[in-house]
Amino acid sequence: MKKLLLVALATVGGLLVYRQLQAKKAEDDLWTEATDTVPADSTPAGV
């Protein structure tokens, strides 16, 4: 029973870490997009 509880706690802990890393990556991507000096959808005039 103790092993099952330990596995469950490790799984929940891993899930929390994973979700936090995903949130950080999403925020970093947002900042990169917001502070990019060249817009991604810009095309030169006359093209």
C-alpha atoms as a PDB file:
ATOM      1  CA  MET A   1       0.000   0.000   0.000  1.00  0.00           C
ATOM      2  CA  LYS A   2       2.864   2.388   0.790  1.00  0.00           C
ATOM      3  CA  LYS A   3       4.410   1.718  -2.629  1.00  0.00           C
ATOM      4  CA  LEU A   4       1.150   2.575  -4.361  1.00  0.00           C
ATOM      5  CA  LEU A   5       0.899   5.839  -2.422  1.00  0.00           C
ATOM      6  CA  LEU A   6       4.512   6.675  -3.300  1.00  0.00           C
ATOM      7  CA  VAL A   7       3.869   6.001  -6.993  1.00  0.00           C
ATOM      8  CA  ALA A   8       0.716   8.130  -6.911  1.00  0.00           C
ATOM      9  CA  LEU A   9       2.543  11.020  -5.227  1.00  0.00           C
ATOM     10  CA  ALA A  10       5.426  10.793  -7.701  1.00  0.00           C
ATOM     11  CA  THR A  11       2.953  10.829 -10.601  1.00  0.00           C
ATOM     12  CA  VAL A  12       1.126  13.881  -9.266  1.00  0.00           C
ATOM     13  CA  GLY A  13       4.428  15.644  -8.605  1.00  0.00           C
ATOM     14  CA  GLY A  14       5.636  14.884 -12.116  1.00  0.00           C
ATOM     15  CA  LEU A  15       2.399  16.166 -13.593  1.00  0.00           C
ATOM     16  CA  LEU A  16       2.674  19.425 -11.661  1.00  0.00           C
ATOM     17  CA  VAL A  17       6.259  19.964 -12.805  1.00  0.00           C
ATOM     18  CA  TYR A  18       5.293  19.179 -16.406  1.00  0.00           C
ATOM     19  CA  ARG A  19       2.390  21.641 -16.349  1.00  0.00           C
ATOM     20  CA  GLN A  20       4.590  24.365 -14.850  1.00  0.00           C
ATOM     21  CA  LEU A  21       7.230  23.841 -17.551  1.00  0.00           C
ATOM     22  CA  GLN A  22       4.556  24.033 -20.249  1.00  0.00           C
ATOM     23  CA  ALA A  23       3.200  27.283 -18.779  1.00  0.00           C
ATOM     24  CA  LYS A  24       6.707  28.787 -18.691  1.00  0.00           C
ATOM     25  CA  LYS A  25       7.331  27.786 -22.293  1.00  0.00           C
ATOM     26  CA  ALA A  26       4.015  29.323 -23.378  1.00  0.00           C
ATOM     27  CA  GLU A  27       4.859  32.575 -21.597  1.00  0.00           C
ATOM     28  CA  ASP A  28       8.346  32.635 -23.126  1.00  0.00           C
ATOM     29  CA  ASP A  29       6.849  32.085 -26.579  1.00  0.00           C
ATOM     30  CA  LEU A  30       4.402  34.928 -25.989  1.00  0.00           C
ATOM     31  CA  TRP A  31       7.200  37.292 -24.950  1.00  0.00           C
ATOM     32  CA  THR A  32       9.273  36.259 -27.957  1.00  0.00           C
ATOM     33  CA  GLU A  33       6.357  36.991 -30.267  1.00  0.00           C
ATOM     34  CA  ALA A  34       5.573  40.304 -28.564  1.00  0.00           C
ATOM     35  CA  THR A  35       9.155  41.568 -28.656  1.00  0.00           C
ATOM     36  CA  ASP A  36      10.141  40.273 -32.098  1.00  0.00           C
ATOM     37  CA  THR A  37      11.478  43.153 -34.185  1.00  0.00           C
ATOM     38  CA  VAL A  38      10.285  41.669 -37.491  1.00  0.00           C
ATOM     39  CA  PRO A  39       6.623  40.641 -37.705  1.00  0.00           C
ATOM     40  CA  ALA A  40       6.220  37.054 -38.881  1.00  0.00           C
ATOM     41  CA  ASP A  41       3.521  37.875 -41.453  1.00  0.00           C
ATOM     42  CA  SER A  42       5.158  40.915 -43.026  1.00  0.00           C
ATOM     43  CA  THR A  43       6.002  40.788 -46.714  1.00  0.00           C
ATOM     44  CA  PRO A  44       8.126  43.298 -48.617  1.00  0.00           C
ATOM     45  CA  ALA A  45       6.240  45.873 -50.647  1.00  0.00           C
ATOM     46  CA  GLY A  46       5.741  44.957 -54.294  1.00  0.00           C
ATOM     47  CA  VAL A  47       6.096  41.225 -53.805  1.00  0.00           C
END
